[in-house]
C-alpha atoms as a PDB file:
ATOM      1  CA  UNK A   1      11.515 -10.323  -4.025  1.00  0.00           C
ATOM      2  CA  UNK A   2      12.481 -13.202  -6.236  1.00  0.00           C
ATOM      3  CA  UNK A   3      13.911 -12.836  -9.713  1.00  0.00           C
ATOM      4  CA  UNK A   4      11.479 -12.923 -12.642  1.00  0.00           C
ATOM      5  CA  UNK A   5      12.349 -16.450 -13.817  1.00  0.00           C
ATOM      6  CA  UNK A   6      10.939 -17.945 -10.592  1.00  0.00           C
ATOM      7  CA  UNK A   7       7.438 -17.084 -11.847  1.00  0.00           C
ATOM      8  CA  UNK A   8       7.652 -19.969 -14.340  1.00  0.00           C
ATOM      9  CA  UNK A   9       7.297 -22.413 -11.437  1.00  0.00           C
ATOM     10  CA  UNK A  10       4.069 -23.389  -9.738  1.00  0.00           C
ATOM     11  CA  UNK A  11       3.156 -21.108  -6.862  1.00  0.00           C
ATOM     12  CA  UNK A  12       0.647 -18.514  -5.709  1.00  0.00           C
ATOM     13  CA  UNK A  13       0.752 -14.850  -6.687  1.00  0.00           C
ATOM     14  CA  UNK A  14      -1.468 -12.567  -4.582  1.00  0.00           C
ATOM     15  CA  UNK A  15      -3.165  -9.529  -6.088  1.00  0.00           C
ATOM     16  CA  UNK A  16      -5.027  -7.353  -3.574  1.00  0.00           C
ATOM     17  CA  UNK A  17      -7.830  -5.012  -4.576  1.00  0.00           C
ATOM     18  CA  UNK A  18      -8.393  -1.657  -2.879  1.00  0.00           C
ATOM     19  CA  UNK A  19      -8.009   1.063  -5.519  1.00  0.00           C
ATOM     20  CA  UNK A  20     -11.774   1.587  -5.298  1.00  0.00           C
ATOM     21  CA  UNK A  21     -11.685   2.335  -1.561  1.00  0.00           C
ATOM     22  CA  UNK A  22      -8.450   4.356  -1.588  1.00  0.00           C
ATOM     23  CA  UNK A  23      -9.771   6.626  -4.349  1.00  0.00           C
ATOM     24  CA  UNK A  24     -12.480   7.796  -1.935  1.00  0.00           C
ATOM     25  CA  UNK A  25      -9.846   9.828  -0.025  1.00  0.00           C
ATOM     26  CA  UNK A  26     -10.208  12.552  -2.664  1.00  0.00           C
ATOM     27  CA  UNK A  27     -13.852  13.195  -1.701  1.00  0.00           C
ATOM     28  CA  UNK A  28     -12.741  15.213   1.323  1.00  0.00           C
ATOM     29  CA  UNK A  29     -11.159  17.742  -1.025  1.00  0.00           C
ATOM     30  CA  UNK A  30     -14.275  18.698  -2.989  1.00  0.00           C
ATOM     31  CA  UNK A  31     -13.511  16.333  -5.870  1.00  0.00           C
ATOM     32  CA  UNK A  32     -16.118  13.889  -7.130  1.00  0.00           C
ATOM     33  CA  UNK A  33     -14.901  10.328  -7.686  1.00  0.00           C
ATOM     34  CA  UNK A  34     -16.570   7.082  -8.799  1.00  0.00           C
ATOM     35  CA  UNK A  35     -18.181   5.148  -5.938  1.00  0.00           C
ATOM     36  CA  UNK A  36     -16.488   1.917  -4.790  1.00  0.00           C
ATOM     37  CA  UNK A  37     -19.144  -0.238  -6.468  1.00  0.00           C
ATOM     38  CA  UNK A  38     -18.856   1.528  -9.829  1.00  0.00           C
ATOM     39  CA  UNK A  39     -18.604  -0.962 -12.721  1.00  0.00           C
ATOM     40  CA  UNK A  40     -15.304   0.688 -13.686  1.00  0.00           C
ATOM     41  CA  UNK A  41     -13.529  -1.075 -10.795  1.00  0.00           C
ATOM     42  CA  UNK A  42     -15.144  -4.436 -11.447  1.00  0.00           C
ATOM     43  CA  UNK A  43     -13.983  -4.230 -15.057  1.00  0.00           C
ATOM     44  CA  UNK A  44     -10.474  -3.186 -13.967  1.00  0.00           C
ATOM     45  CA  UNK A  45     -10.143  -6.088 -11.552  1.00  0.00           C
ATOM     46  CA  UNK A  46     -11.495  -8.638 -14.027  1.00  0.00           C
ATOM     47  CA  UNK A  47      -9.090  -7.544 -16.752  1.00  0.00           C
ATOM     48  CA  UNK A  48      -6.195  -7.203 -14.304  1.00  0.00           C
ATOM     49  CA  UNK A  49      -6.747 -10.831 -13.299  1.00  0.00           C
ATOM     50  CA  UNK A  50      -6.708 -11.878 -16.959  1.00  0.00           C
ATOM     51  CA  UNK A  51      -3.545  -9.882 -17.662  1.00  0.00           C
ATOM     52  CA  UNK A  52      -1.809 -11.454 -14.665  1.00  0.00           C
ATOM     53  CA  UNK A  53      -2.830 -14.930 -15.806  1.00  0.00           C
ATOM     54  CA  UNK A  54      -1.480 -14.275 -19.292  1.00  0.00           C
ATOM     55  CA  UNK A  55       1.796 -12.915 -17.933  1.00  0.00           C
ATOM     56  CA  UNK A  56       2.228 -15.761 -15.424  1.00  0.00           C
ATOM     57  CA  UNK A  57       0.551 -18.822 -16.991  1.00  0.00           C
ATOM     58  CA  UNK A  58       2.092 -21.351 -14.595  1.00  0.00           C
ATOM     59  CA  UNK A  59       1.224 -19.461 -11.429  1.00  0.00           C
ATOM     60  CA  UNK A  60      -2.004 -19.480  -9.443  1.00  0.00           C
ATOM     61  CA  UNK A  61      -3.311 -15.885  -9.286  1.00  0.00           C
ATOM     62  CA  UNK A  62      -5.077 -15.431  -5.941  1.00  0.00           C
ATOM     63  CA  UNK A  63      -7.121 -12.243  -5.659  1.00  0.00           C
ATOM     64  CA  UNK A  64      -8.115 -10.660  -2.346  1.00  0.00           C
ATOM     65  CA  UNK A  65     -10.644  -7.866  -1.900  1.00  0.00           C
ATOM     66  CA  UNK A  66      -9.212  -5.890   0.995  1.00  0.00           C
ATOM     67  CA  UNK A  67     -12.547  -4.435   2.120  1.00  0.00           C
ATOM     68  CA  UNK A  68     -13.801  -7.949   2.925  1.00  0.00           C
ATOM     69  CA  UNK A  69     -10.496  -8.948   4.501  1.00  0.00           C
ATOM     70  CA  UNK A  70     -10.590  -5.927   6.808  1.00  0.00           C
ATOM     71  CA  UNK A  71     -14.070  -6.916   7.984  1.00  0.00           C
ATOM     72  CA  UNK A  72     -12.798 -10.443   8.671  1.00  0.00           C
ATOM     73  CA  UNK A  73      -9.841  -9.007  10.606  1.00  0.00           C
ATOM     74  CA  UNK A  74     -12.199  -7.082  12.886  1.00  0.00           C
ATOM     75  CA  UNK A  75     -14.361 -10.163  13.365  1.00  0.00           C
ATOM     76  CA  UNK A  76     -11.294 -11.987  14.663  1.00  0.00           C
ATOM     77  CA  UNK A  77     -10.329  -8.998  16.825  1.00  0.00           C
ATOM     78  CA  UNK A  78     -13.756  -8.722  18.449  1.00  0.00           C
ATOM     79  CA  UNK A  79     -13.630 -12.330  19.629  1.00  0.00           C
ATOM     80  CA  UNK A  80     -10.368 -11.559  21.432  1.00  0.00           C
ATOM     81  CA  UNK A  81     -11.169  -8.245  23.097  1.00  0.00           C
ATOM     82  CA  UNK A  82     -13.533  -8.419  26.018  1.00  0.00           C
ATOM     83  CA  UNK A  83     -12.525  -5.337  28.011  1.00  0.00           C
ATOM     84  CA  UNK A  84     -11.471  -2.199  26.132  1.00  0.00           C
ATOM     85  CA  UNK A  85     -10.325  -0.625  29.414  1.00  0.00           C
ATOM     86  CA  UNK A  86      -7.470  -3.142  29.540  1.00  0.00           C
ATOM     87  CA  UNK A  87      -6.932  -3.854  25.845  1.00  0.00           C
ATOM     88  CA  UNK A  88      -6.407  -1.762  22.739  1.00  0.00           C
ATOM     89  CA  UNK A  89      -6.263  -2.378  18.998  1.00  0.00           C
ATOM     90  CA  UNK A  90      -3.292  -0.948  17.109  1.00  0.00           C
ATOM     91  CA  UNK A  91      -3.277  -0.973  13.316  1.00  0.00           C
ATOM     92  CA  UNK A  92      -0.452  -0.435  10.842  1.00  0.00           C
ATOM     93  CA  UNK A  93      -3.070   0.459   8.214  1.00  0.00           C
ATOM     94  CA  UNK A  94      -5.362   3.493   8.364  1.00  0.00           C
ATOM     95  CA  UNK A  95      -7.941   1.734   6.201  1.00  0.00           C
ATOM     96  CA  UNK A  96      -8.349  -1.098   8.728  1.00  0.00           C
ATOM     97  CA  UNK A  97      -8.747   1.357  11.599  1.00  0.00           C
ATOM     98  CA  UNK A  98     -11.340   3.337   9.628  1.00  0.00           C
ATOM     99  CA  UNK A  99     -13.336   0.215   8.760  1.00  0.00           C
ATOM    100  CA  UNK A 100     -14.700  -0.317  12.271  1.00  0.00           C
ATOM    101  CA  UNK A 101     -16.658   2.235  14.336  1.00  0.00           C
ATOM    102  CA  UNK A 102     -15.404   0.625  17.562  1.00  0.00           C
ATOM    103  CA  UNK A 103     -11.814   1.444  16.679  1.00  0.00           C
ATOM    104  CA  UNK A 104     -10.011   4.029  18.784  1.00  0.00           C
ATOM    105  CA  UNK A 105      -8.200   4.984  15.604  1.00  0.00           C
ATOM    106  CA  UNK A 106      -4.766   4.040  16.917  1.00  0.00           C
ATOM    107  CA  UNK A 107      -2.588   3.761  13.820  1.00  0.00           C
ATOM    108  CA  UNK A 108       1.139   3.441  13.299  1.00  0.00           C
ATOM    109  CA  UNK A 109       1.746   5.111   9.949  1.00  0.00           C
ATOM    110  CA  UNK A 110       4.830   3.153   8.965  1.00  0.00           C
ATOM    111  CA  UNK A 111       6.236   2.698   5.486  1.00  0.00           C
ATOM    112  CA  UNK A 112       9.162   1.010   3.803  1.00  0.00           C
ATOM    113  CA  UNK A 113      11.313   3.739   2.231  1.00  0.00           C
ATOM    114  CA  UNK A 114      13.566   3.388  -0.808  1.00  0.00           C
ATOM    115  CA  UNK A 115      16.580   5.008  -2.464  1.00  0.00           C
ATOM    116  CA  UNK A 116      16.882   6.303  -6.031  1.00  0.00           C
ATOM    117  CA  UNK A 117      17.658   2.748  -7.218  1.00  0.00           C
ATOM    118  CA  UNK A 118      14.383   1.491  -5.790  1.00  0.00           C
ATOM    119  CA  UNK A 119      16.158  -0.465  -3.043  1.00  0.00           C
ATOM    120  CA  UNK A 120      14.856  -0.389   0.513  1.00  0.00           C
ATOM    121  CA  UNK A 121      16.836   1.771   2.951  1.00  0.00           C
ATOM    122  CA  UNK A 122      14.725   1.309   6.083  1.00  0.00           C
ATOM    123  CA  UNK A 123      11.399   1.801   7.800  1.00  0.00           C
ATOM    124  CA  UNK A 124      10.085   5.317   8.205  1.00  0.00           C
ATOM    125  CA  UNK A 125       6.933   7.386   8.381  1.00  0.00           C
ATOM    126  CA  UNK A 126       4.323   7.447   5.656  1.00  0.00           C
ATOM    127  CA  UNK A 127       4.205  10.715   3.687  1.00  0.00           C
ATOM    128  CA  UNK A 128       2.615  13.482   5.738  1.00  0.00           C
ATOM    129  CA  UNK A 129       3.124  11.860   9.141  1.00  0.00           C
ATOM    130  CA  UNK A 130       5.483  12.415  12.073  1.00  0.00           C
ATOM    131  CA  UNK A 131       8.786  10.523  12.401  1.00  0.00           C
ATOM    132  CA  UNK A 132       8.394   6.976  13.710  1.00  0.00           C
ATOM    133  CA  UNK A 133      10.022   7.732  17.076  1.00  0.00           C
ATOM    134  CA  UNK A 134       7.399  10.410  17.747  1.00  0.00           C
ATOM    135  CA  UNK A 135       4.593   8.135  16.607  1.00  0.00           C
ATOM    136  CA  UNK A 136       5.747   5.268  18.819  1.00  0.00           C
ATOM    137  CA  UNK A 137       6.090   7.546  21.867  1.00  0.00           C
ATOM    138  CA  UNK A 138       2.640   9.075  21.325  1.00  0.00           C
ATOM    139  CA  UNK A 139       1.097   5.622  20.910  1.00  0.00           C
ATOM    140  CA  UNK A 140       2.761   4.425  24.121  1.00  0.00           C
ATOM    141  CA  UNK A 141       1.176   7.344  25.986  1.00  0.00           C
ATOM    142  CA  UNK A 142      -2.272   6.598  24.522  1.00  0.00           C
ATOM    143  CA  UNK A 143      -2.035   2.871  25.161  1.00  0.00           C
ATOM    144  CA  UNK A 144      -1.085   3.667  28.760  1.00  0.00           C
ATOM    145  CA  UNK A 145      -0.298   0.194  30.025  1.00  0.00           C
ATOM    146  CA  UNK A 146      -3.073  -1.677  28.243  1.00  0.00           C
ATOM    147  CA  UNK A 147      -2.280  -4.829  26.286  1.00  0.00           C
ATOM    148  CA  UNK A 148      -2.238  -4.623  22.493  1.00  0.00           C
ATOM    149  CA  UNK A 149      -3.882  -6.543  19.681  1.00  0.00           C
ATOM    150  CA  UNK A 150      -1.844  -5.658  16.580  1.00  0.00           C
ATOM    151  CA  UNK A 151      -3.546  -5.806  13.179  1.00  0.00           C
ATOM    152  CA  UNK A 152      -2.133  -5.678   9.650  1.00  0.00           C
ATOM    153  CA  UNK A 153      -3.479  -6.125   6.103  1.00  0.00           C
ATOM    154  CA  UNK A 154      -0.893  -8.608   4.907  1.00  0.00           C
ATOM    155  CA  UNK A 155       2.684  -9.765   5.347  1.00  0.00           C
ATOM    156  CA  UNK A 156       4.893 -11.043   2.522  1.00  0.00           C
ATOM    157  CA  UNK A 157       8.381 -11.002   4.055  1.00  0.00           C
ATOM    158  CA  UNK A 158       7.339 -10.165   7.632  1.00  0.00           C
ATOM    159  CA  UNK A 159      10.043  -7.502   7.894  1.00  0.00           C
ATOM    160  CA  UNK A 160       7.780  -4.585   8.776  1.00  0.00           C
ATOM    161  CA  UNK A 161       5.824  -6.479  11.432  1.00  0.00           C
ATOM    162  CA  UNK A 162       9.105  -7.810  12.875  1.00  0.00           C
ATOM    163  CA  UNK A 163      10.332  -4.207  13.171  1.00  0.00           C
ATOM    164  CA  UNK A 164       7.080  -3.027  14.782  1.00  0.00           C
ATOM    165  CA  UNK A 165       6.946  -5.866  17.307  1.00  0.00           C
ATOM    166  CA  UNK A 166      10.543  -5.179  18.352  1.00  0.00           C
ATOM    167  CA  UNK A 167       9.846  -1.479  18.871  1.00  0.00           C
ATOM    168  CA  UNK A 168       6.678  -2.127  20.867  1.00  0.00           C
ATOM    169  CA  UNK A 169       8.620  -4.551  23.056  1.00  0.00           C
ATOM    170  CA  UNK A 170      11.361  -1.958  23.599  1.00  0.00           C
ATOM    171  CA  UNK A 171       8.664   0.446  24.826  1.00  0.00           C
ATOM    172  CA  UNK A 172       7.446  -2.121  27.319  1.00  0.00           C
ATOM    173  CA  UNK A 173       4.146  -2.679  25.514  1.00  0.00           C
ATOM    174  CA  UNK A 174       2.646  -6.162  25.678  1.00  0.00           C
ATOM    175  CA  UNK A 175       1.193  -7.543  22.438  1.00  0.00           C
ATOM    176  CA  UNK A 176      -1.185 -10.414  23.224  1.00  0.00           C
ATOM    177  CA  UNK A 177      -2.324 -11.189  19.675  1.00  0.00           C
ATOM    178  CA  UNK A 178      -1.406 -10.378  16.067  1.00  0.00           C
ATOM    179  CA  UNK A 179      -4.146 -10.578  13.432  1.00  0.00           C
ATOM    180  CA  UNK A 180      -3.051 -10.447   9.787  1.00  0.00           C
ATOM    181  CA  UNK A 181      -5.203 -10.523   6.657  1.00  0.00           C
ATOM    182  CA  UNK A 182      -2.859 -12.886   4.821  1.00  0.00           C
ATOM    183  CA  UNK A 183       0.652 -14.093   5.442  1.00  0.00           C
ATOM    184  CA  UNK A 184       3.085 -16.365   3.643  1.00  0.00           C
ATOM    185  CA  UNK A 185       5.039 -19.142   5.343  1.00  0.00           C
ATOM    186  CA  UNK A 186       8.310 -17.223   5.222  1.00  0.00           C
ATOM    187  CA  UNK A 187       6.784 -14.186   6.952  1.00  0.00           C
ATOM    188  CA  UNK A 188       5.239 -16.429   9.578  1.00  0.00           C
ATOM    189  CA  UNK A 189       8.675 -17.782  10.494  1.00  0.00           C
ATOM    190  CA  UNK A 190      10.088 -14.235  10.734  1.00  0.00           C
ATOM    191  CA  UNK A 191       7.280 -13.111  13.049  1.00  0.00           C
ATOM    192  CA  UNK A 192       7.691 -16.123  15.326  1.00  0.00           C
ATOM    193  CA  UNK A 193      11.290 -15.050  15.957  1.00  0.00           C
ATOM    194  CA  UNK A 194      10.043 -12.073  17.971  1.00  0.00           C
ATOM    195  CA  UNK A 195       6.441 -12.928  18.880  1.00  0.00           C
ATOM    196  CA  UNK A 196       5.258 -15.900  20.914  1.00  0.00           C
ATOM    197  CA  UNK A 197       1.620 -14.927  21.487  1.00  0.00           C
ATOM    198  CA  UNK A 198      -1.481 -15.745  19.448  1.00  0.00           C
ATOM    199  CA  UNK A 199      -0.978 -15.298  15.726  1.00  0.00           C
ATOM    200  CA  UNK A 200      -4.135 -15.264  13.586  1.00  0.00           C
ATOM    201  CA  UNK A 201      -4.029 -15.408   9.782  1.00  0.00           C
ATOM    202  CA  UNK A 202      -7.371 -14.632   8.117  1.00  0.00           C
ATOM    203  CA  UNK A 203      -6.365 -15.962   4.679  1.00  0.00           C
ATOM    204  CA  UNK A 204      -3.468 -18.467   5.028  1.00  0.00           C
ATOM    205  CA  UNK A 205      -1.446 -18.946   1.849  1.00  0.00           C
ATOM    206  CA  UNK A 206       1.328 -21.333   0.854  1.00  0.00           C
ATOM    207  CA  UNK A 207       4.196 -20.995  -1.611  1.00  0.00           C
ATOM    208  CA  UNK A 208       3.808 -17.297  -2.416  1.00  0.00           C
ATOM    209  CA  UNK A 209       5.667 -16.120  -5.502  1.00  0.00           C
ATOM    210  CA  UNK A 210       4.895 -12.465  -4.870  1.00  0.00           C
ATOM    211  CA  UNK A 211       2.241  -9.961  -3.820  1.00  0.00           C
ATOM    212  CA  UNK A 212       1.123  -6.806  -5.622  1.00  0.00           C
ATOM    213  CA  UNK A 213      -1.559  -4.398  -4.365  1.00  0.00           C
ATOM    214  CA  UNK A 214      -3.544  -2.862  -7.220  1.00  0.00           C
ATOM    215  CA  UNK A 215      -2.962   0.612  -5.733  1.00  0.00           C
ATOM    216  CA  UNK A 216       0.768   0.253  -6.557  1.00  0.00           C
ATOM    217  CA  UNK A 217      -0.219   0.060 -10.240  1.00  0.00           C
ATOM    218  CA  UNK A 218      -2.320   3.240 -10.522  1.00  0.00           C
ATOM    219  CA  UNK A 219      -0.366   6.534 -10.272  1.00  0.00           C
ATOM    220  CA  UNK A 220      -1.811   9.192  -7.918  1.00  0.00           C
ATOM    221  CA  UNK A 221      -3.770   6.671  -5.843  1.00  0.00           C
ATOM    222  CA  UNK A 222      -2.863   7.155  -2.131  1.00  0.00           C
ATOM    223  CA  UNK A 223       0.085   4.923  -1.121  1.00  0.00           C
ATOM    224  CA  UNK A 224       0.954   4.112  -4.742  1.00  0.00           C
ATOM    225  CA  UNK A 225       4.494   2.951  -5.349  1.00  0.00           C
ATOM    226  CA  UNK A 226       7.837   2.865  -3.574  1.00  0.00           C
ATOM    227  CA  UNK A 227       8.296   6.100  -1.630  1.00  0.00           C
ATOM    228  CA  UNK A 228      11.642   7.846  -2.043  1.00  0.00           C
ATOM    229  CA  UNK A 229      13.242   8.264   1.381  1.00  0.00           C
ATOM    230  CA  UNK A 230      16.295   9.639   3.143  1.00  0.00           C
ATOM    231  CA  UNK A 231      17.939   9.313   6.551  1.00  0.00           C
ATOM    232  CA  UNK A 232      17.525  12.351   8.803  1.00  0.00           C
ATOM    233  CA  UNK A 233      18.473  12.896  12.463  1.00  0.00           C
ATOM    234  CA  UNK A 234      14.865  11.993  13.306  1.00  0.00           C
ATOM    235  CA  UNK A 235      15.123   8.707  11.381  1.00  0.00           C
ATOM    236  CA  UNK A 236      14.132   7.622   7.889  1.00  0.00           C
ATOM    237  CA  UNK A 237      11.640  10.017   6.317  1.00  0.00           C
ATOM    238  CA  UNK A 238      10.129  10.547   2.849  1.00  0.00           C
ATOM    239  CA  UNK A 239      12.088  12.950   0.668  1.00  0.00           C
ATOM    240  CA  UNK A 240      10.113  16.166   0.192  1.00  0.00           C
ATOM    241  CA  UNK A 241      10.131  18.663  -2.659  1.00  0.00           C
ATOM    242  CA  UNK A 242      10.443  22.379  -1.927  1.00  0.00           C
ATOM    243  CA  UNK A 243       6.640  22.376  -1.821  1.00  0.00           C
ATOM    244  CA  UNK A 244       6.658  19.686   0.877  1.00  0.00           C
ATOM    245  CA  UNK A 245       5.431  16.901  -1.423  1.00  0.00           C
ATOM    246  CA  UNK A 246       6.680  13.312  -1.329  1.00  0.00           C
ATOM    247  CA  UNK A 247       7.742  11.340  -4.394  1.00  0.00           C
ATOM    248  CA  UNK A 248       7.226   7.679  -5.245  1.00  0.00           C
ATOM    249  CA  UNK A 249       7.957   5.206  -8.000  1.00  0.00           C
ATOM    250  CA  UNK A 250       4.776   3.419  -9.135  1.00  0.00           C
ATOM    251  CA  UNK A 251       5.544  -0.218  -9.910  1.00  0.00           C
ATOM    252  CA  UNK A 252       4.462   0.032 -13.544  1.00  0.00           C
ATOM    253  CA  UNK A 253       6.576   1.170 -16.488  1.00  0.00           C
ATOM    254  CA  UNK A 254       7.846   3.738 -17.340  1.00  0.00           C
ATOM    255  CA  UNK A 255       8.104   4.711 -13.647  1.00  0.00           C
ATOM    256  CA  UNK A 256       9.444   1.677 -11.810  1.00  0.00           C
ATOM    257  CA  UNK A 257      11.089  -1.709 -12.318  1.00  0.00           C
ATOM    258  CA  UNK A 258       8.025  -3.855 -12.828  1.00  0.00           C
ATOM    259  CA  UNK A 259       9.941  -6.946 -13.917  1.00  0.00           C
ATOM    260  CA  UNK A 260      12.060  -6.968 -10.744  1.00  0.00           C
ATOM    261  CA  UNK A 261       9.622  -5.531  -8.224  1.00  0.00           C
ATOM    262  CA  UNK A 262       6.606  -7.578  -9.292  1.00  0.00           C
ATOM    263  CA  UNK A 263       8.291 -10.811 -10.437  1.00  0.00           C
ATOM    264  CA  UNK A 264       7.085 -10.311 -13.993  1.00  0.00           C
ATOM    265  CA  UNK A 265       8.500 -11.334 -17.400  1.00  0.00           C
ATOM    266  CA  UNK A 266       9.447  -8.370 -19.595  1.00  0.00           C
ATOM    267  CA  UNK A 267       6.615  -8.548 -22.131  1.00  0.00           C
ATOM    268  CA  UNK A 268       4.067  -9.206 -19.394  1.00  0.00           C
ATOM    269  CA  UNK A 269       5.342  -6.161 -17.496  1.00  0.00           C
ATOM    270  CA  UNK A 270       4.972  -3.915 -20.554  1.00  0.00           C
ATOM    271  CA  UNK A 271       1.501  -5.212 -21.370  1.00  0.00           C
ATOM    272  CA  UNK A 272       0.315  -4.842 -17.780  1.00  0.00           C
ATOM    273  CA  UNK A 273       1.836  -1.356 -17.534  1.00  0.00           C
ATOM    274  CA  UNK A 274       0.028  -0.203 -20.679  1.00  0.00           C
ATOM    275  CA  UNK A 275      -3.232  -1.591 -19.319  1.00  0.00           C
ATOM    276  CA  UNK A 276      -2.795   0.090 -15.923  1.00  0.00           C
ATOM    277  CA  UNK A 277      -1.990   3.449 -17.508  1.00  0.00           C
ATOM    278  CA  UNK A 278      -5.073   3.119 -19.705  1.00  0.00           C
ATOM    279  CA  UNK A 279      -7.082   2.372 -16.572  1.00  0.00           C
ATOM    280  CA  UNK A 280      -5.531   5.343 -14.749  1.00  0.00           C
ATOM    281  CA  UNK A 281      -6.567   7.597 -17.623  1.00  0.00           C
ATOM    282  CA  UNK A 282     -10.085   6.171 -17.470  1.00  0.00           C
ATOM    283  CA  UNK A 283     -10.368   6.614 -13.686  1.00  0.00           C
ATOM    284  CA  UNK A 284      -9.188  10.207 -13.629  1.00  0.00           C
ATOM    285  CA  UNK A 285     -11.121  10.973 -16.801  1.00  0.00           C
ATOM    286  CA  UNK A 286     -14.205   9.960 -14.834  1.00  0.00           C
ATOM    287  CA  UNK A 287     -13.102  12.238 -11.986  1.00  0.00           C
ATOM    288  CA  UNK A 288     -12.924  15.075 -14.547  1.00  0.00           C
ATOM    289  CA  UNK A 289     -16.461  14.314 -15.717  1.00  0.00           C
ATOM    290  CA  UNK A 290     -17.930  14.011 -12.234  1.00  0.00           C
ATOM    291  CA  UNK A 291     -16.167  17.119 -10.942  1.00  0.00           C
ATOM    292  CA  UNK A 292     -17.112  19.129 -14.028  1.00  0.00           C
ATOM    293  CA  UNK A 293     -13.623  20.239 -15.042  1.00  0.00           C
ATOM    294  CA  UNK A 294     -10.178  18.939 -15.907  1.00  0.00           C
ATOM    295  CA  UNK A 295      -8.418  18.376 -12.609  1.00  0.00           C
ATOM    296  CA  UNK A 296      -4.730  19.103 -12.109  1.00  0.00           C
ATOM    297  CA  UNK A 297      -2.058  17.384 -10.050  1.00  0.00           C
ATOM    298  CA  UNK A 298      -2.342  20.292  -7.591  1.00  0.00           C
ATOM    299  CA  UNK A 299      -6.069  19.533  -7.205  1.00  0.00           C
ATOM    300  CA  UNK A 300      -5.273  15.959  -6.175  1.00  0.00           C
ATOM    301  CA  UNK A 301      -2.592  17.056  -3.715  1.00  0.00           C
ATOM    302  CA  UNK A 302      -4.931  19.608  -2.178  1.00  0.00           C
ATOM    303  CA  UNK A 303      -7.671  17.006  -1.816  1.00  0.00           C
ATOM    304  CA  UNK A 304      -5.294  14.404  -0.336  1.00  0.00           C
ATOM    305  CA  UNK A 305      -1.911  15.892   0.708  1.00  0.00           C
ATOM    306  CA  UNK A 306      -0.443  12.458   1.400  1.00  0.00           C
ATOM    307  CA  UNK A 307      -0.501  11.476  -2.269  1.00  0.00           C
ATOM    308  CA  UNK A 308       3.012  11.135  -3.697  1.00  0.00           C
ATOM    309  CA  UNK A 309       4.145  12.600  -6.996  1.00  0.00           C
ATOM    310  CA  UNK A 310       4.828   9.745  -9.448  1.00  0.00           C
ATOM    311  CA  UNK A 311       8.428   9.964 -10.661  1.00  0.00           C
ATOM    312  CA  UNK A 312      10.527   7.930 -13.075  1.00  0.00           C
ATOM    313  CA  UNK A 313      13.351   5.671 -11.953  1.00  0.00           C
ATOM    314  CA  UNK A 314      16.629   7.353 -12.865  1.00  0.00           C
ATOM    315  CA  UNK A 315      14.948  10.718 -13.371  1.00  0.00           C
ATOM    316  CA  UNK A 316      13.479  11.531  -9.957  1.00  0.00           C
ATOM    317  CA  UNK A 317      14.592  15.159 -10.149  1.00  0.00           C
ATOM    318  CA  UNK A 318      12.290  15.812 -13.115  1.00  0.00           C
ATOM    319  CA  UNK A 319       9.000  16.363 -11.335  1.00  0.00           C
ATOM    320  CA  UNK A 320       5.622  16.708 -13.048  1.00  0.00           C
ATOM    321  CA  UNK A 321       4.315  20.264 -13.012  1.00  0.00           C
ATOM    322  CA  UNK A 322       1.674  20.786 -10.341  1.00  0.00           C
ATOM    323  CA  UNK A 323      -0.521  22.716 -12.781  1.00  0.00           C
ATOM    324  CA  UNK A 324      -0.430  19.839 -15.295  1.00  0.00           C
ATOM    325  CA  UNK A 325      -3.749  18.140 -15.992  1.00  0.00           C
ATOM    326  CA  UNK A 326      -3.724  14.647 -14.464  1.00  0.00           C
ATOM    327  CA  UNK A 327      -5.132  12.899 -17.538  1.00  0.00           C
ATOM    328  CA  UNK A 328      -2.723  14.758 -19.822  1.00  0.00           C
ATOM    329  CA  UNK A 329       0.249  13.717 -17.704  1.00  0.00           C
ATOM    330  CA  UNK A 330      -0.883  10.074 -17.688  1.00  0.00           C
ATOM    331  CA  UNK A 331      -1.368  10.119 -21.459  1.00  0.00           C
ATOM    332  CA  UNK A 332       2.169  11.442 -21.850  1.00  0.00           C
ATOM    333  CA  UNK A 333       3.455   8.509 -19.766  1.00  0.00           C
ATOM    334  CA  UNK A 334       1.327   6.084 -21.767  1.00  0.00           C
ATOM    335  CA  UNK A 335       2.879   7.338 -25.013  1.00  0.00           C
ATOM    336  CA  UNK A 336       6.274   6.212 -23.731  1.00  0.00           C
ATOM    337  CA  UNK A 337       5.051   2.608 -23.916  1.00  0.00           C
ATOM    338  CA  UNK A 338       3.653   2.536 -27.452  1.00  0.00           C
END
C-alpha cells in the first residue's frame, strides 16, 4: 500500500460493505444477530462514509455493497457458462459461492498471511481450512478436466489472483474467463502477465488510492484483519493458539497500523478507530439483547470457529480470555483511545 501522504492527492478510495452479511455466520451457532437490513448497518455505513470523507477530503470515496456486486458477478458468469458438464465456476470467496443456488460450491479458501510486524509473508489457507496444496489437489479432482471460470470479489494489487492463476496452470487446469467485482489498473496489468483469456470487471475503477473492506474494521467479524501466519512443511498456515484458534490484527487502532495499512492520516485513523470500536460495541450489544444474555468470546468462536482472536500489534502473545464478555473486551480496547 502507499504511504499516508499520497491520500492528499486526487484519487479513488474504495470502501466495501459486507459486515451485515458476514455477521450472519453466527446464526448457525445458536446466537441471534441483527438481520442484514437492520437500520444499524445503514447508519454504520452512512457514518463510515462521512468519517472517510473527513479523513481524506481530497479523495473520492467510492462505496461498494458487496451483496449487489456478487449478484452482478453471477450475472456475468451465467452468460458465459452454457454447459455445466464441461465448465465449472471456482470462487476465491465463500460468500460469492453461497450467493448463487446454481453454484457447485467450489471454493479456494486462500488468504494473505502476515508476520508479527504486519508484513505479508505469503499466501496460505484461511483459518480453519486445509493447507493450500491439499485444497488445490482436491479442487483439481473435482474439476476433473472441465474448464474453469474463476471469480473474485475484488483485486487491488492482483497478487493473490496472479498466484492462483499460476497454480491452476501448474495443475493443468484451463481458465477460460476471470470475473472480478472490481479491479484497479495496476492489478489488471499484473493479471494480464499470466492470463490471456476473457477478463471481466464488474465495477472498473481508475486511480485507486486504497481499498478497505468494512469487515476489517470490526473486531470478531469473520475474516477481520491481517491473519498472523507461519511457514510450516505444508506451506504457509495461520498461527494457532493451544486451543486451535487463529489470531489477526484488525486494521483499526489499538490493534493494527491503520495509518500505514489503510493510507490514513494519523488523526483520521484515530477518529475512525474510535468510531469503529463504538460501532463494534453497538453491534455485539445488540447480539447480547437478541440472544438474551451477555455473550463471551468463546460463544462467538463456538458459533463460527473460523473467527480470529483480535490481537494487538507488538503484543500478540497477550490473548483475550475466552470467557471474557465480548462487549466488555471491546470497551476495554475503546478506553485505550480516549
